[in-house]
Amino acid sequence: MICQQRPPEYPVPDRESQVPQDFPEEVPMRQPPEEPLPEQPPQRH
């Protein structure tokens, strides 16, 4: 119940499942780790 008292400013490990709903911007940055990779291939040349 202490987790519910905390503000949604910082995602709690217990509420990580609800983070996507409160922080839809953090999901795309954490789930698609392959997106940043496509930008690195150009550096290989």
PDB file of N, CA and C in Angstrom:
ATOM      1  N   MET A   1       0.859  -1.201   0.000  1.00  0.00           N
ATOM      2  CA  MET A   1       0.000   0.000   0.000  1.00  0.00           C
ATOM      3  C   MET A   1       0.899   1.257   0.000  1.00  0.00           C
ATOM      4  N   ILE A   2       2.130   1.102   0.435  1.00  0.00           N
ATOM      5  CA  ILE A   2       3.019   2.298   0.458  1.00  0.00           C
ATOM      6  C   ILE A   2       3.318   2.740  -0.984  1.00  0.00           C
ATOM      7  N   CYS A   3       3.335   1.796  -1.884  1.00  0.00           N
ATOM      8  CA  CYS A   3       3.634   2.153  -3.291  1.00  0.00           C
ATOM      9  C   CYS A   3       2.545   3.093  -3.830  1.00  0.00           C
ATOM     10  N   GLN A   4       1.321   2.885  -3.399  1.00  0.00           N
ATOM     11  CA  GLN A   4       0.220   3.726  -3.922  1.00  0.00           C
ATOM     12  C   GLN A   4       0.336   5.145  -3.364  1.00  0.00           C
ATOM     13  N   GLN A   5       0.946   5.290  -2.225  1.00  0.00           N
ATOM     14  CA  GLN A   5       1.058   6.647  -1.619  1.00  0.00           C
ATOM     15  C   GLN A   5       2.132   7.443  -2.373  1.00  0.00           C
ATOM     16  N   ARG A   6       3.079   6.764  -2.947  1.00  0.00           N
ATOM     17  CA  ARG A   6       4.190   7.482  -3.649  1.00  0.00           C
ATOM     18  C   ARG A   6       3.645   8.146  -4.922  1.00  0.00           C
ATOM     19  N   PRO A   7       4.165   9.236  -5.300  1.00  0.00           N
ATOM     20  CA  PRO A   7       3.707   9.933  -6.529  1.00  0.00           C
ATOM     21  C   PRO A   7       4.190   9.184  -7.778  1.00  0.00           C
ATOM     22  N   PRO A   8       3.523   9.361  -8.881  1.00  0.00           N
ATOM     23  CA  PRO A   8       3.911   8.669 -10.129  1.00  0.00           C
ATOM     24  C   PRO A   8       5.075   9.370 -10.803  1.00  0.00           C
ATOM     25  N   GLU A   9       5.728  10.247 -10.075  1.00  0.00           N
ATOM     26  CA  GLU A   9       6.879  10.978 -10.690  1.00  0.00           C
ATOM     27  C   GLU A   9       7.971   9.966 -11.061  1.00  0.00           C
ATOM     28  N   TYR A  10       8.243   9.024 -10.209  1.00  0.00           N
ATOM     29  CA  TYR A  10       9.301   8.038 -10.543  1.00  0.00           C
ATOM     30  C   TYR A  10       8.682   6.633 -10.509  1.00  0.00           C
ATOM     31  N   PRO A  11       8.873   5.843 -11.555  1.00  0.00           N
ATOM     32  CA  PRO A  11       8.298   4.484 -11.623  1.00  0.00           C
ATOM     33  C   PRO A  11       8.819   3.589 -10.510  1.00  0.00           C
ATOM     34  N   VAL A  12       7.918   2.938  -9.819  1.00  0.00           N
ATOM     35  CA  VAL A  12       8.361   2.036  -8.724  1.00  0.00           C
ATOM     36  C   VAL A  12       8.549   0.611  -9.271  1.00  0.00           C
ATOM     37  N   PRO A  13       9.495  -0.127  -8.775  1.00  0.00           N
ATOM     38  CA  PRO A  13       9.741  -1.508  -9.242  1.00  0.00           C
ATOM     39  C   PRO A  13       8.483  -2.365  -9.121  1.00  0.00           C
ATOM     40  N   ASP A  14       7.683  -2.098  -8.111  1.00  0.00           N
ATOM     41  CA  ASP A  14       6.444  -2.904  -7.924  1.00  0.00           C
ATOM     42  C   ASP A  14       5.399  -2.494  -8.972  1.00  0.00           C
ATOM     43  N   ARG A  15       5.428  -1.258  -9.377  1.00  0.00           N
ATOM     44  CA  ARG A  15       4.413  -0.778 -10.342  1.00  0.00           C
ATOM     45  C   ARG A  15       5.016  -0.735 -11.751  1.00  0.00           C
ATOM     46  N   GLU A  16       6.077  -1.413 -11.970  1.00  0.00           N
ATOM     47  CA  GLU A  16       6.707  -1.347 -13.321  1.00  0.00           C
ATOM     48  C   GLU A  16       5.703  -1.790 -14.396  1.00  0.00           C
ATOM     49  N   SER A  17       4.784  -2.658 -13.999  1.00  0.00           N
ATOM     50  CA  SER A  17       3.788  -3.150 -14.976  1.00  0.00           C
ATOM     51  C   SER A  17       2.851  -2.011 -15.394  1.00  0.00           C
ATOM     52  N   GLN A  18       2.634  -1.069 -14.511  1.00  0.00           N
ATOM     53  CA  GLN A  18       1.722   0.053 -14.836  1.00  0.00           C
ATOM     54  C   GLN A  18       2.510   1.246 -15.373  1.00  0.00           C
ATOM     55  N   VAL A  19       3.771   1.133 -15.480  1.00  0.00           N
ATOM     56  CA  VAL A  19       4.564   2.290 -15.975  1.00  0.00           C
ATOM     57  C   VAL A  19       4.158   2.665 -17.402  1.00  0.00           C
ATOM     58  N   PRO A  20       3.965   1.705 -18.277  1.00  0.00           N
ATOM     59  CA  PRO A  20       3.580   2.013 -19.668  1.00  0.00           C
ATOM     60  C   PRO A  20       2.324   2.880 -19.730  1.00  0.00           C
ATOM     61  N   GLN A  21       1.391   2.666 -18.830  1.00  0.00           N
ATOM     62  CA  GLN A  21       0.147   3.463 -18.857  1.00  0.00           C
ATOM     63  C   GLN A  21       0.426   4.876 -18.328  1.00  0.00           C
ATOM     64  N   ASP A  22       1.256   4.988 -17.316  1.00  0.00           N
ATOM     65  CA  ASP A  22       1.537   6.328 -16.742  1.00  0.00           C
ATOM     66  C   ASP A  22       2.627   7.030 -17.573  1.00  0.00           C
ATOM     67  N   PHE A  23       3.537   6.254 -18.127  1.00  0.00           N
ATOM     68  CA  PHE A  23       4.640   6.856 -18.918  1.00  0.00           C
ATOM     69  C   PHE A  23       4.711   6.209 -20.303  1.00  0.00           C
ATOM     70  N   PRO A  24       3.814   6.558 -21.192  1.00  0.00           N
ATOM     71  CA  PRO A  24       3.819   5.941 -22.540  1.00  0.00           C
ATOM     72  C   PRO A  24       5.074   6.346 -23.306  1.00  0.00           C
ATOM     73  N   GLU A  25       5.729   7.380 -22.856  1.00  0.00           N
ATOM     74  CA  GLU A  25       6.968   7.811 -23.571  1.00  0.00           C
ATOM     75  C   GLU A  25       8.160   6.952 -23.147  1.00  0.00           C
ATOM     76  N   GLU A  26       8.094   6.407 -21.955  1.00  0.00           N
ATOM     77  CA  GLU A  26       9.264   5.595 -21.484  1.00  0.00           C
ATOM     78  C   GLU A  26       9.209   4.194 -22.124  1.00  0.00           C
ATOM     79  N   VAL A  27       8.040   3.757 -22.485  1.00  0.00           N
ATOM     80  CA  VAL A  27       7.927   2.393 -23.050  1.00  0.00           C
ATOM     81  C   VAL A  27       8.675   2.303 -24.389  1.00  0.00           C
ATOM     82  N   PRO A  28       8.421   3.222 -25.290  1.00  0.00           N
ATOM     83  CA  PRO A  28       9.090   3.177 -26.605  1.00  0.00           C
ATOM     84  C   PRO A  28      10.601   3.305 -26.470  1.00  0.00           C
ATOM     85  N   MET A  29      11.039   4.031 -25.470  1.00  0.00           N
ATOM     86  CA  MET A  29      12.508   4.219 -25.301  1.00  0.00           C
ATOM     87  C   MET A  29      13.119   2.967 -24.645  1.00  0.00           C
ATOM     88  N   ARG A  30      12.361   2.221 -23.934  1.00  0.00           N
ATOM     89  CA  ARG A  30      12.937   1.041 -23.180  1.00  0.00           C
ATOM     90  C   ARG A  30      12.607  -0.224 -23.970  1.00  0.00           C
ATOM     91  N   GLN A  31      11.475  -0.296 -24.582  1.00  0.00           N
ATOM     92  CA  GLN A  31      11.133  -1.567 -25.276  1.00  0.00           C
ATOM     93  C   GLN A  31      11.892  -1.694 -26.604  1.00  0.00           C
ATOM     94  N   PRO A  32      11.850  -0.721 -27.453  1.00  0.00           N
ATOM     95  CA  PRO A  32      12.533  -0.848 -28.759  1.00  0.00           C
ATOM     96  C   PRO A  32      14.009  -0.497 -28.688  1.00  0.00           C
ATOM     97  N   PRO A  33      14.823  -1.356 -28.139  1.00  0.00           N
ATOM     98  CA  PRO A  33      16.271  -1.074 -28.063  1.00  0.00           C
ATOM     99  C   PRO A  33      16.907  -1.286 -29.433  1.00  0.00           C
ATOM    100  N   GLU A  34      16.143  -1.831 -30.381  1.00  0.00           N
ATOM    101  CA  GLU A  34      16.725  -2.050 -31.734  1.00  0.00           C
ATOM    102  C   GLU A  34      16.612  -0.772 -32.574  1.00  0.00           C
ATOM    103  N   GLU A  35      15.784   0.155 -32.163  1.00  0.00           N
ATOM    104  CA  GLU A  35      15.640   1.404 -32.968  1.00  0.00           C
ATOM    105  C   GLU A  35      16.953   2.208 -32.971  1.00  0.00           C
ATOM    106  N   PRO A  36      17.575   2.353 -31.808  1.00  0.00           N
ATOM    107  CA  PRO A  36      18.830   3.134 -31.746  1.00  0.00           C
ATOM    108  C   PRO A  36      19.962   2.402 -32.485  1.00  0.00           C
ATOM    109  N   LEU A  37      19.830   1.116 -32.672  1.00  0.00           N
ATOM    110  CA  LEU A  37      20.910   0.352 -33.349  1.00  0.00           C
ATOM    111  C   LEU A  37      20.979   0.722 -34.838  1.00  0.00           C
ATOM    112  N   PRO A  38      19.842   0.836 -35.492  1.00  0.00           N
ATOM    113  CA  PRO A  38      19.851   1.181 -36.932  1.00  0.00           C
ATOM    114  C   PRO A  38      20.613   2.483 -37.191  1.00  0.00           C
ATOM    115  N   GLU A  39      20.644   3.350 -36.220  1.00  0.00           N
ATOM    116  CA  GLU A  39      21.371   4.640 -36.445  1.00  0.00           C
ATOM    117  C   GLU A  39      22.885   4.417 -36.322  1.00  0.00           C
ATOM    118  N   GLN A  40      23.302   3.345 -35.731  1.00  0.00           N
ATOM    119  CA  GLN A  40      24.769   3.128 -35.538  1.00  0.00           C
ATOM    120  C   GLN A  40      25.406   2.495 -36.789  1.00  0.00           C
ATOM    121  N   PRO A  41      24.682   1.717 -37.540  1.00  0.00           N
ATOM    122  CA  PRO A  41      25.281   1.086 -38.737  1.00  0.00           C
ATOM    123  C   PRO A  41      25.990   2.109 -39.638  1.00  0.00           C
ATOM    124  N   PRO A  42      25.395   3.279 -39.844  1.00  0.00           N
ATOM    125  CA  PRO A  42      26.068   4.302 -40.703  1.00  0.00           C
ATOM    126  C   PRO A  42      27.474   4.609 -40.195  1.00  0.00           C
ATOM    127  N   GLN A  43      27.680   4.486 -38.894  1.00  0.00           N
ATOM    128  CA  GLN A  43      29.032   4.822 -38.339  1.00  0.00           C
ATOM    129  C   GLN A  43      30.023   3.718 -38.742  1.00  0.00           C
ATOM    130  N   ARG A  44      29.558   2.554 -39.046  1.00  0.00           N
ATOM    131  CA  ARG A  44      30.497   1.437 -39.390  1.00  0.00           C
ATOM    132  C   ARG A  44      31.228   1.805 -40.680  1.00  0.00           C
ATOM    133  N   HIS A  45      30.555   2.476 -41.570  1.00  0.00           N
ATOM    134  CA  HIS A  45      31.219   2.789 -42.861  1.00  0.00           C
ATOM    135  C   HIS A  45      32.409   3.680 -42.580  1.00  0.00           C
TER     136      HIS A  45
END
